[in-house]
Amino acid sequence: CVAANFGNWSYFAGTGGDPKNRHFRTISQCYKYDPNGVYVRKWIKIGEHDVEATLRPWAFDKEWPSPIVQPETQLTFDDKEKLERTGRISNEIFNCKYLG
């Protein structure tokens, strides 16, 4: 029953009060729980590319539609710092044929 889970839906929608200011960072969650991009590849026919290009295709393919939500807001502090420092979030060796 959705009504019984109102608090959780409200939390994830960002409409409820949260004294700890927690946010669901979708990009960082993706790297943490699906580091090989298996789920993304199942639903989006993106091919066998570098994980970084699979999980952040807008950063690698100029014809990919821009995300609705600013990607920078969907990263944890550590992932944002790592992306700024190295240009990558993934630890996978860069072997992307996608950019070819």
PDB file of N, CA and C in Angstrom:
ATOM      1  N   CYS A   1       0.848  -1.179   0.000  1.00  0.00           N
ATOM      2  CA  CYS A   1       0.000   0.000   0.000  1.00  0.00           C
ATOM      3  C   CYS A   1       0.894   1.243   0.000  1.00  0.00           C
ATOM      4  N   VAL A   2       0.713   2.097  -0.971  1.00  0.00           N
ATOM      5  CA  VAL A   2       1.526   3.311  -1.090  1.00  0.00           C
ATOM      6  C   VAL A   2       1.307   4.229   0.098  1.00  0.00           C
ATOM      7  N   ALA A   3       0.070   4.324   0.569  1.00  0.00           N
ATOM      8  CA  ALA A   3      -0.222   5.222   1.694  1.00  0.00           C
ATOM      9  C   ALA A   3       0.560   4.839   2.947  1.00  0.00           C
ATOM     10  N   ALA A   4       0.795   3.548   3.140  1.00  0.00           N
ATOM     11  CA  ALA A   4       1.532   3.092   4.306  1.00  0.00           C
ATOM     12  C   ALA A   4       3.016   3.447   4.207  1.00  0.00           C
ATOM     13  N   ASN A   5       3.468   3.777   3.039  1.00  0.00           N
ATOM     14  CA  ASN A   5       4.875   4.076   2.817  1.00  0.00           C
ATOM     15  C   ASN A   5       5.079   5.557   2.476  1.00  0.00           C
ATOM     16  N   PHE A   6       4.133   6.392   2.872  1.00  0.00           N
ATOM     17  CA  PHE A   6       4.175   7.806   2.504  1.00  0.00           C
ATOM     18  C   PHE A   6       5.472   8.479   2.939  1.00  0.00           C
ATOM     19  N   GLY A   7       5.919   8.185   4.139  1.00  0.00           N
ATOM     20  CA  GLY A   7       7.135   8.830   4.639  1.00  0.00           C
ATOM     21  C   GLY A   7       8.353   8.519   3.794  1.00  0.00           C
ATOM     22  N   ASN A   8       8.483   7.284   3.345  1.00  0.00           N
ATOM     23  CA  ASN A   8       9.621   6.906   2.516  1.00  0.00           C
ATOM     24  C   ASN A   8       9.543   7.571   1.142  1.00  0.00           C
ATOM     25  N   TRP A   9       8.341   7.570   0.528  1.00  0.00           N
ATOM     26  CA  TRP A   9       8.183   8.239  -0.774  1.00  0.00           C
ATOM     27  C   TRP A   9       8.475   9.727  -0.638  1.00  0.00           C
ATOM     28  N   SER A  10       8.020  10.311   0.424  1.00  0.00           N
ATOM     29  CA  SER A  10       8.257  11.731   0.667  1.00  0.00           C
ATOM     30  C   SER A  10       9.749  12.015   0.819  1.00  0.00           C
ATOM     31  N   TYR A  11      10.424  11.141   1.542  1.00  0.00           N
ATOM     32  CA  TYR A  11      11.868  11.295   1.738  1.00  0.00           C
ATOM     33  C   TYR A  11      12.614  11.266   0.402  1.00  0.00           C
ATOM     34  N   PHE A  12      12.317  10.258  -0.437  1.00  0.00           N
ATOM     35  CA  PHE A  12      13.013  10.137  -1.716  1.00  0.00           C
ATOM     36  C   PHE A  12      12.631  11.227  -2.699  1.00  0.00           C
ATOM     37  N   ALA A  13      11.435  11.759  -2.570  1.00  0.00           N
ATOM     38  CA  ALA A  13      11.006  12.862  -3.439  1.00  0.00           C
ATOM     39  C   ALA A  13      11.600  14.185  -2.993  1.00  0.00           C
ATOM     40  N   GLY A  14      12.166  14.209  -1.789  1.00  0.00           N
ATOM     41  CA  GLY A  14      12.771  15.444  -1.289  1.00  0.00           C
ATOM     42  C   GLY A  14      11.749  16.436  -0.778  1.00  0.00           C
ATOM     43  N   THR A  15      10.550  15.970  -0.448  1.00  0.00           N
ATOM     44  CA  THR A  15       9.503  16.885   0.002  1.00  0.00           C
ATOM     45  C   THR A  15       9.298  16.871   1.505  1.00  0.00           C
ATOM     46  N   GLY A  16       9.859  15.921   2.181  1.00  0.00           N
ATOM     47  CA  GLY A  16       9.674  15.823   3.623  1.00  0.00           C
ATOM     48  C   GLY A  16      10.814  16.490   4.383  1.00  0.00           C
ATOM     49  N   GLY A  17      10.596  16.657   5.671  1.00  0.00           N
ATOM     50  CA  GLY A  17      11.649  17.233   6.502  1.00  0.00           C
ATOM     51  C   GLY A  17      12.702  16.190   6.828  1.00  0.00           C
ATOM     52  N   ASP A  18      13.954  16.571   6.765  1.00  0.00           N
ATOM     53  CA  ASP A  18      15.044  15.655   7.089  1.00  0.00           C
ATOM     54  C   ASP A  18      16.096  16.443   7.857  1.00  0.00           C
ATOM     55  N   PRO A  19      16.126  16.302   9.166  1.00  0.00           N
ATOM     56  CA  PRO A  19      17.074  17.084   9.970  1.00  0.00           C
ATOM     57  C   PRO A  19      18.538  16.777   9.677  1.00  0.00           C
ATOM     58  N   LYS A  20      18.818  15.626   9.058  1.00  0.00           N
ATOM     59  CA  LYS A  20      20.209  15.275   8.759  1.00  0.00           C
ATOM     60  C   LYS A  20      20.608  15.678   7.345  1.00  0.00           C
ATOM     61  N   ASN A  21      19.680  16.247   6.591  1.00  0.00           N
ATOM     62  CA  ASN A  21      19.966  16.733   5.238  1.00  0.00           C
ATOM     63  C   ASN A  21      20.558  15.644   4.343  1.00  0.00           C
ATOM     64  N   ARG A  22      19.974  14.443   4.408  1.00  0.00           N
ATOM     65  CA  ARG A  22      20.420  13.337   3.557  1.00  0.00           C
ATOM     66  C   ARG A  22      19.778  13.472   2.181  1.00  0.00           C
ATOM     67  N   HIS A  23      20.501  13.082   1.176  1.00  0.00           N
ATOM     68  CA  HIS A  23      19.986  13.132  -0.186  1.00  0.00           C
ATOM     69  C   HIS A  23      20.354  11.843  -0.903  1.00  0.00           C
ATOM     70  N   PHE A  24      19.504  11.434  -1.808  1.00  0.00           N
ATOM     71  CA  PHE A  24      19.754  10.249  -2.614  1.00  0.00           C
ATOM     72  C   PHE A  24      20.551  10.708  -3.832  1.00  0.00           C
ATOM     73  N   ARG A  25      21.836  10.450  -3.848  1.00  0.00           N
ATOM     74  CA  ARG A  25      22.733  10.867  -4.928  1.00  0.00           C
ATOM     75  C   ARG A  25      22.778   9.765  -5.976  1.00  0.00           C
ATOM     76  N   THR A  26      21.971   9.897  -7.025  1.00  0.00           N
ATOM     77  CA  THR A  26      21.755   8.808  -7.974  1.00  0.00           C
ATOM     78  C   THR A  26      23.022   8.345  -8.689  1.00  0.00           C
ATOM     79  N   ILE A  27      23.876   9.246  -9.084  1.00  0.00           N
ATOM     80  CA  ILE A  27      25.085   8.839  -9.809  1.00  0.00           C
ATOM     81  C   ILE A  27      26.047   8.107  -8.877  1.00  0.00           C
ATOM     82  N   SER A  28      26.269   8.647  -7.703  1.00  0.00           N
ATOM     83  CA  SER A  28      27.147   7.980  -6.737  1.00  0.00           C
ATOM     84  C   SER A  28      26.584   6.625  -6.327  1.00  0.00           C
ATOM     85  N   GLN A  29      25.256   6.535  -6.155  1.00  0.00           N
ATOM     86  CA  GLN A  29      24.626   5.255  -5.826  1.00  0.00           C
ATOM     87  C   GLN A  29      24.864   4.235  -6.932  1.00  0.00           C
ATOM     88  N   CYS A  30      24.793   4.690  -8.159  1.00  0.00           N
ATOM     89  CA  CYS A  30      25.010   3.804  -9.302  1.00  0.00           C
ATOM     90  C   CYS A  30      26.423   3.220  -9.259  1.00  0.00           C
ATOM     91  N   TYR A  31      27.414   4.054  -9.028  1.00  0.00           N
ATOM     92  CA  TYR A  31      28.803   3.573  -8.959  1.00  0.00           C
ATOM     93  C   TYR A  31      29.016   2.641  -7.768  1.00  0.00           C
ATOM     94  N   LYS A  32      28.313   2.894  -6.674  1.00  0.00           N
ATOM     95  CA  LYS A  32      28.488   2.085  -5.473  1.00  0.00           C
ATOM     96  C   LYS A  32      27.825   0.714  -5.599  1.00  0.00           C
ATOM     97  N   TYR A  33      26.594   0.671  -6.135  1.00  0.00           N
ATOM     98  CA  TYR A  33      25.832  -0.572  -6.140  1.00  0.00           C
ATOM     99  C   TYR A  33      25.806  -1.296  -7.482  1.00  0.00           C
ATOM    100  N   ASP A  34      26.213  -0.639  -8.555  1.00  0.00           N
ATOM    101  CA  ASP A  34      26.265  -1.277  -9.872  1.00  0.00           C
ATOM    102  C   ASP A  34      27.527  -0.800 -10.590  1.00  0.00           C
ATOM    103  N   PRO A  35      28.701  -1.108 -10.025  1.00  0.00           N
ATOM    104  CA  PRO A  35      29.953  -0.556 -10.555  1.00  0.00           C
ATOM    105  C   PRO A  35      30.295  -0.981 -11.974  1.00  0.00           C
ATOM    106  N   ASN A  36      29.653  -2.027 -12.483  1.00  0.00           N
ATOM    107  CA  ASN A  36      29.914  -2.465 -13.856  1.00  0.00           C
ATOM    108  C   ASN A  36      28.838  -2.002 -14.837  1.00  0.00           C
ATOM    109  N   GLY A  37      27.824  -1.308 -14.326  1.00  0.00           N
ATOM    110  CA  GLY A  37      26.773  -0.788 -15.193  1.00  0.00           C
ATOM    111  C   GLY A  37      25.838  -1.838 -15.753  1.00  0.00           C
ATOM    112  N   VAL A  38      25.707  -2.977 -15.079  1.00  0.00           N
ATOM    113  CA  VAL A  38      24.869  -4.074 -15.571  1.00  0.00           C
ATOM    114  C   VAL A  38      23.406  -3.635 -15.697  1.00  0.00           C
ATOM    115  N   TYR A  39      22.888  -2.973 -14.679  1.00  0.00           N
ATOM    116  CA  TYR A  39      21.492  -2.539 -14.693  1.00  0.00           C
ATOM    117  C   TYR A  39      21.242  -1.521 -15.803  1.00  0.00           C
ATOM    118  N   VAL A  40      22.127  -0.579 -15.943  1.00  0.00           N
ATOM    119  CA  VAL A  40      21.981   0.441 -16.994  1.00  0.00           C
ATOM    120  C   VAL A  40      22.006  -0.221 -18.363  1.00  0.00           C
ATOM    121  N   ARG A  41      22.922  -1.117 -18.570  1.00  0.00           N
ATOM    122  CA  ARG A  41      23.026  -1.802 -19.869  1.00  0.00           C
ATOM    123  C   ARG A  41      21.813  -2.680 -20.171  1.00  0.00           C
ATOM    124  N   LYS A  42      21.146  -3.161 -19.115  1.00  0.00           N
ATOM    125  CA  LYS A  42      19.957  -3.978 -19.327  1.00  0.00           C
ATOM    126  C   LYS A  42      18.824  -3.142 -19.910  1.00  0.00           C
ATOM    127  N   TRP A  43      18.661  -1.924 -19.441  1.00  0.00           N
ATOM    128  CA  TRP A  43      17.522  -1.101 -19.824  1.00  0.00           C
ATOM    129  C   TRP A  43      17.822  -0.090 -20.914  1.00  0.00           C
ATOM    130  N   ILE A  44      19.058   0.292 -21.055  1.00  0.00           N
ATOM    131  CA  ILE A  44      19.447   1.236 -22.100  1.00  0.00           C
ATOM    132  C   ILE A  44      20.467   0.547 -22.985  1.00  0.00           C
ATOM    133  N   LYS A  45      20.151   0.373 -24.222  1.00  0.00           N
ATOM    134  CA  LYS A  45      21.052  -0.315 -25.155  1.00  0.00           C
ATOM    135  C   LYS A  45      22.216   0.607 -25.496  1.00  0.00           C
ATOM    136  N   ILE A  46      23.203   0.561 -24.620  1.00  0.00           N
ATOM    137  CA  ILE A  46      24.338   1.463 -24.757  1.00  0.00           C
ATOM    138  C   ILE A  46      25.594   0.724 -25.202  1.00  0.00           C
ATOM    139  N   GLY A  47      25.561  -0.601 -25.185  1.00  0.00           N
ATOM    140  CA  GLY A  47      26.707  -1.371 -25.663  1.00  0.00           C
ATOM    141  C   GLY A  47      27.712  -1.687 -24.575  1.00  0.00           C
ATOM    142  N   GLU A  48      28.790  -2.280 -24.987  1.00  0.00           N
ATOM    143  CA  GLU A  48      29.852  -2.685 -24.063  1.00  0.00           C
ATOM    144  C   GLU A  48      30.942  -1.624 -24.051  1.00  0.00           C
ATOM    145  N   HIS A  49      30.695  -0.561 -23.338  1.00  0.00           N
ATOM    146  CA  HIS A  49      31.635   0.546 -23.278  1.00  0.00           C
ATOM    147  C   HIS A  49      32.286   0.616 -21.903  1.00  0.00           C
ATOM    148  N   ASP A  50      33.222   1.474 -21.803  1.00  0.00           N
ATOM    149  CA  ASP A  50      33.840   1.805 -20.531  1.00  0.00           C
ATOM    150  C   ASP A  50      32.739   2.124 -19.510  1.00  0.00           C
ATOM    151  N   VAL A  51      32.896   1.684 -18.289  1.00  0.00           N
ATOM    152  CA  VAL A  51      31.897   1.925 -17.251  1.00  0.00           C
ATOM    153  C   VAL A  51      31.610   3.413 -17.106  1.00  0.00           C
ATOM    154  N   GLU A  52      32.615   4.209 -17.186  1.00  0.00           N
ATOM    155  CA  GLU A  52      32.430   5.658 -17.035  1.00  0.00           C
ATOM    156  C   GLU A  52      31.500   6.196 -18.124  1.00  0.00           C
ATOM    157  N   ALA A  53      31.678   5.769 -19.354  1.00  0.00           N
ATOM    158  CA  ALA A  53      30.818   6.213 -20.460  1.00  0.00           C
ATOM    159  C   ALA A  53      29.426   5.609 -20.354  1.00  0.00           C
ATOM    160  N   THR A  54      29.307   4.440 -19.733  1.00  0.00           N
ATOM    161  CA  THR A  54      28.004   3.806 -19.550  1.00  0.00           C
ATOM    162  C   THR A  54      27.194   4.524 -18.480  1.00  0.00           C
ATOM    163  N   LEU A  55      27.834   4.882 -17.376  1.00  0.00           N
ATOM    164  CA  LEU A  55      27.113   5.494 -16.263  1.00  0.00           C
ATOM    165  C   LEU A  55      27.021   7.013 -16.350  1.00  0.00           C
ATOM    166  N   ARG A  56      27.805   7.635 -17.214  1.00  0.00           N
ATOM    167  CA  ARG A  56      27.705   9.086 -17.441  1.00  0.00           C
ATOM    168  C   ARG A  56      27.789   9.378 -18.946  1.00  0.00           C
ATOM    169  N   PRO A  57      26.858   8.848 -19.756  1.00  0.00           N
ATOM    170  CA  PRO A  57      26.973   8.970 -21.209  1.00  0.00           C
ATOM    171  C   PRO A  57      26.940  10.401 -21.722  1.00  0.00           C
ATOM    172  N   TRP A  58      26.258  11.290 -21.051  1.00  0.00           N
ATOM    173  CA  TRP A  58      26.181  12.690 -21.475  1.00  0.00           C
ATOM    174  C   TRP A  58      27.537  13.376 -21.449  1.00  0.00           C
ATOM    175  N   ALA A  59      28.465  12.853 -20.656  1.00  0.00           N
ATOM    176  CA  ALA A  59      29.800  13.444 -20.560  1.00  0.00           C
ATOM    177  C   ALA A  59      30.721  12.970 -21.688  1.00  0.00           C
ATOM    178  N   PHE A  60      30.300  11.938 -22.410  1.00  0.00           N
ATOM    179  CA  PHE A  60      31.148  11.342 -23.436  1.00  0.00           C
ATOM    180  C   PHE A  60      30.560  11.425 -24.843  1.00  0.00           C
ATOM    181  N   ASP A  61      29.255  11.542 -24.944  1.00  0.00           N
ATOM    182  CA  ASP A  61      28.581  11.558 -26.235  1.00  0.00           C
ATOM    183  C   ASP A  61      27.842  12.878 -26.387  1.00  0.00           C
ATOM    184  N   LYS A  62      28.302  13.716 -27.281  1.00  0.00           N
ATOM    185  CA  LYS A  62      27.711  15.049 -27.464  1.00  0.00           C
ATOM    186  C   LYS A  62      26.269  14.986 -27.964  1.00  0.00           C
ATOM    187  N   GLU A  63      25.864  13.852 -28.548  1.00  0.00           N
ATOM    188  CA  GLU A  63      24.489  13.720 -29.026  1.00  0.00           C
ATOM    189  C   GLU A  63      23.548  13.148 -27.973  1.00  0.00           C
ATOM    190  N   TRP A  64      24.100  12.740 -26.832  1.00  0.00           N
ATOM    191  CA  TRP A  64      23.271  12.217 -25.756  1.00  0.00           C
ATOM    192  C   TRP A  64      22.495  13.376 -25.141  1.00  0.00           C
ATOM    193  N   PRO A  65      21.204  13.208 -24.871  1.00  0.00           N
ATOM    194  CA  PRO A  65      20.419  14.303 -24.276  1.00  0.00           C
ATOM    195  C   PRO A  65      20.981  14.732 -22.920  1.00  0.00           C
ATOM    196  N   SER A  66      20.898  16.004 -22.644  1.00  0.00           N
ATOM    197  CA  SER A  66      21.355  16.519 -21.350  1.00  0.00           C
ATOM    198  C   SER A  66      20.454  15.986 -20.239  1.00  0.00           C
ATOM    199  N   PRO A  67      21.026  15.667 -19.098  1.00  0.00           N
ATOM    200  CA  PRO A  67      20.210  15.203 -17.972  1.00  0.00           C
ATOM    201  C   PRO A  67      19.250  16.297 -17.508  1.00  0.00           C
ATOM    202  N   ILE A  68      18.094  15.902 -17.012  1.00  0.00           N
ATOM    203  CA  ILE A  68      17.113  16.858 -16.497  1.00  0.00           C
ATOM    204  C   ILE A  68      17.634  17.493 -15.210  1.00  0.00           C
ATOM    205  N   VAL A  69      18.231  16.675 -14.357  1.00  0.00           N
ATOM    206  CA  VAL A  69      18.789  17.138 -13.088  1.00  0.00           C
ATOM    207  C   VAL A  69      20.280  17.378 -13.291  1.00  0.00           C
ATOM    208  N   GLN A  70      20.811  18.448 -12.735  1.00  0.00           N
ATOM    209  CA  GLN A  70      22.240  18.745 -12.847  1.00  0.00           C
ATOM    210  C   GLN A  70      23.049  17.583 -12.271  1.00  0.00           C
ATOM    211  N   PRO A  71      23.908  16.945 -13.082  1.00  0.00           N
ATOM    212  CA  PRO A  71      24.672  15.782 -12.600  1.00  0.00           C
ATOM    213  C   PRO A  71      25.521  16.084 -11.363  1.00  0.00           C
ATOM    214  N   GLU A  72      26.016  17.292 -11.236  1.00  0.00           N
ATOM    215  CA  GLU A  72      26.867  17.637 -10.086  1.00  0.00           C
ATOM    216  C   GLU A  72      26.112  17.474  -8.767  1.00  0.00           C
ATOM    217  N   THR A  73      24.797  17.635  -8.799  1.00  0.00           N
ATOM    218  CA  THR A  73      24.005  17.511  -7.569  1.00  0.00           C
ATOM    219  C   THR A  73      23.753  16.059  -7.207  1.00  0.00           C
ATOM    220  N   GLN A  74      24.122  15.130  -8.064  1.00  0.00           N
ATOM    221  CA  GLN A  74      23.850  13.715  -7.840  1.00  0.00           C
ATOM    222  C   GLN A  74      25.107  12.936  -7.452  1.00  0.00           C
ATOM    223  N   LEU A  75      26.117  13.654  -6.980  1.00  0.00           N
ATOM    224  CA  LEU A  75      27.367  13.036  -6.550  1.00  0.00           C
ATOM    225  C   LEU A  75      27.591  13.286  -5.068  1.00  0.00           C
ATOM    226  N   THR A  76      28.173  12.302  -4.387  1.00  0.00           N
ATOM    227  CA  THR A  76      28.595  12.533  -3.010  1.00  0.00           C
ATOM    228  C   THR A  76      29.792  13.487  -3.044  1.00  0.00           C
ATOM    229  N   PHE A  77      30.133  14.037  -1.907  1.00  0.00           N
ATOM    230  CA  PHE A  77      31.268  14.952  -1.839  1.00  0.00           C
ATOM    231  C   PHE A  77      32.541  14.271  -2.341  1.00  0.00           C
ATOM    232  N   ASP A  78      32.776  13.035  -1.898  1.00  0.00           N
ATOM    233  CA  ASP A  78      33.988  12.311  -2.297  1.00  0.00           C
ATOM    234  C   ASP A  78      34.029  12.047  -3.801  1.00  0.00           C
ATOM    235  N   ASP A  79      32.891  11.637  -4.375  1.00  0.00           N
ATOM    236  CA  ASP A  79      32.853  11.371  -5.822  1.00  0.00           C
ATOM    237  C   ASP A  79      33.032  12.654  -6.631  1.00  0.00           C
ATOM    238  N   LYS A  80      32.445  13.729  -6.158  1.00  0.00           N
ATOM    239  CA  LYS A  80      32.596  15.013  -6.861  1.00  0.00           C
ATOM    240  C   LYS A  80      34.058  15.459  -6.840  1.00  0.00           C
ATOM    241  N   GLU A  81      34.704  15.310  -5.696  1.00  0.00           N
ATOM    242  CA  GLU A  81      36.119  15.670  -5.572  1.00  0.00           C
ATOM    243  C   GLU A  81      36.984  14.802  -6.479  1.00  0.00           C
ATOM    244  N   LYS A  82      36.692  13.492  -6.513  1.00  0.00           N
ATOM    245  CA  LYS A  82      37.462  12.576  -7.350  1.00  0.00           C
ATOM    246  C   LYS A  82      37.273  12.911  -8.833  1.00  0.00           C
ATOM    247  N   LEU A  83      36.046  13.232  -9.237  1.00  0.00           N
ATOM    248  CA  LEU A  83      35.772  13.599 -10.627  1.00  0.00           C
ATOM    249  C   LEU A  83      36.523  14.873 -11.006  1.00  0.00           C
ATOM    250  N   GLU A  84      36.536  15.850 -10.128  1.00  0.00           N
ATOM    251  CA  GLU A  84      37.261  17.102 -10.395  1.00  0.00           C
ATOM    252  C   GLU A  84      38.763  16.877 -10.469  1.00  0.00           C
ATOM    253  N   ARG A  85      39.280  15.982  -9.622  1.00  0.00           N
ATOM    254  CA  ARG A  85      40.715  15.736  -9.557  1.00  0.00           C
ATOM    255  C   ARG A  85      41.222  14.859 -10.705  1.00  0.00           C
ATOM    256  N   THR A  86      40.445  13.800 -11.051  1.00  0.00           N
ATOM    257  CA  THR A  86      40.937  12.823 -12.021  1.00  0.00           C
ATOM    258  C   THR A  86      40.154  12.791 -13.334  1.00  0.00           C
ATOM    259  N   GLY A  87      38.960  13.407 -13.344  1.00  0.00           N
ATOM    260  CA  GLY A  87      38.120  13.358 -14.528  1.00  0.00           C
ATOM    261  C   GLY A  87      37.304  12.084 -14.621  1.00  0.00           C
ATOM    262  N   ARG A  88      37.367  11.238 -13.579  1.00  0.00           N
ATOM    263  CA  ARG A  88      36.649   9.959 -13.549  1.00  0.00           C
ATOM    264  C   ARG A  88      36.120   9.694 -12.143  1.00  0.00           C
ATOM    265  N   ILE A  89      35.082   8.876 -12.079  1.00  0.00           N
ATOM    266  CA  ILE A  89      34.589   8.395 -10.793  1.00  0.00           C
ATOM    267  C   ILE A  89      34.961   6.934 -10.638  1.00  0.00           C
ATOM    268  N   SER A  90      34.896   6.200 -11.734  1.00  0.00           N
ATOM    269  CA  SER A  90      35.189   4.775 -11.739  1.00  0.00           C
ATOM    270  C   SER A  90      36.690   4.526 -11.581  1.00  0.00           C
ATOM    271  N   ASN A  91      37.017   3.378 -11.018  1.00  0.00           N
ATOM    272  CA  ASN A  91      38.418   2.971 -10.910  1.00  0.00           C
ATOM    273  C   ASN A  91      38.839   2.088 -12.074  1.00  0.00           C
ATOM    274  N   GLU A  92      37.888   1.795 -12.980  1.00  0.00           N
ATOM    275  CA  GLU A  92      38.182   0.930 -14.125  1.00  0.00           C
ATOM    276  C   GLU A  92      39.203   1.600 -15.045  1.00  0.00           C
ATOM    277  N   ILE A  93      40.067   0.787 -15.619  1.00  0.00           N
ATOM    278  CA  ILE A  93      41.049   1.288 -16.583  1.00  0.00           C
ATOM    279  C   ILE A  93      40.316   1.800 -17.810  1.00  0.00           C
ATOM    280  N   PHE A  94      40.710   2.933 -18.290  1.00  0.00           N
ATOM    281  CA  PHE A  94      40.038   3.578 -19.419  1.00  0.00           C
ATOM    282  C   PHE A  94      40.348   2.854 -20.707  1.00  0.00           C
ATOM    283  N   ASN A  95      39.326   2.196 -21.260  1.00  0.00           N
ATOM    284  CA  ASN A  95      39.505   1.483 -22.522  1.00  0.00           C
ATOM    285  C   ASN A  95      38.260   1.672 -23.394  1.00  0.00           C
ATOM    286  N   CYS A  96      37.801   2.871 -23.462  1.00  0.00           N
ATOM    287  CA  CYS A  96      36.516   3.161 -24.078  1.00  0.00           C
ATOM    288  C   CYS A  96      36.572   3.225 -25.602  1.00  0.00           C
ATOM    289  N   LYS A  97      35.880   2.284 -26.237  1.00  0.00           N
ATOM    290  CA  LYS A  97      35.757   2.297 -27.690  1.00  0.00           C
ATOM    291  C   LYS A  97      34.678   3.289 -28.106  1.00  0.00           C
ATOM    292  N   TYR A  98      33.849   3.688 -27.149  1.00  0.00           N
ATOM    293  CA  TYR A  98      32.711   4.563 -27.376  1.00  0.00           C
ATOM    294  C   TYR A  98      33.121   5.920 -27.927  1.00  0.00           C
ATOM    295  N   LEU A  99      34.285   6.382 -27.521  1.00  0.00           N
ATOM    296  CA  LEU A  99      34.753   7.697 -27.945  1.00  0.00           C
ATOM    297  C   LEU A  99      35.376   7.681 -29.318  1.00  0.00           C
ATOM    298  N   GLY A 100      35.717   6.489 -29.792  1.00  0.00           N
ATOM    299  CA  GLY A 100      36.398   6.230 -31.016  1.00  0.00           C
ATOM    300  C   GLY A 100      36.209   7.145 -32.100  1.00  0.00           C
TER     301      GLY A 100
END
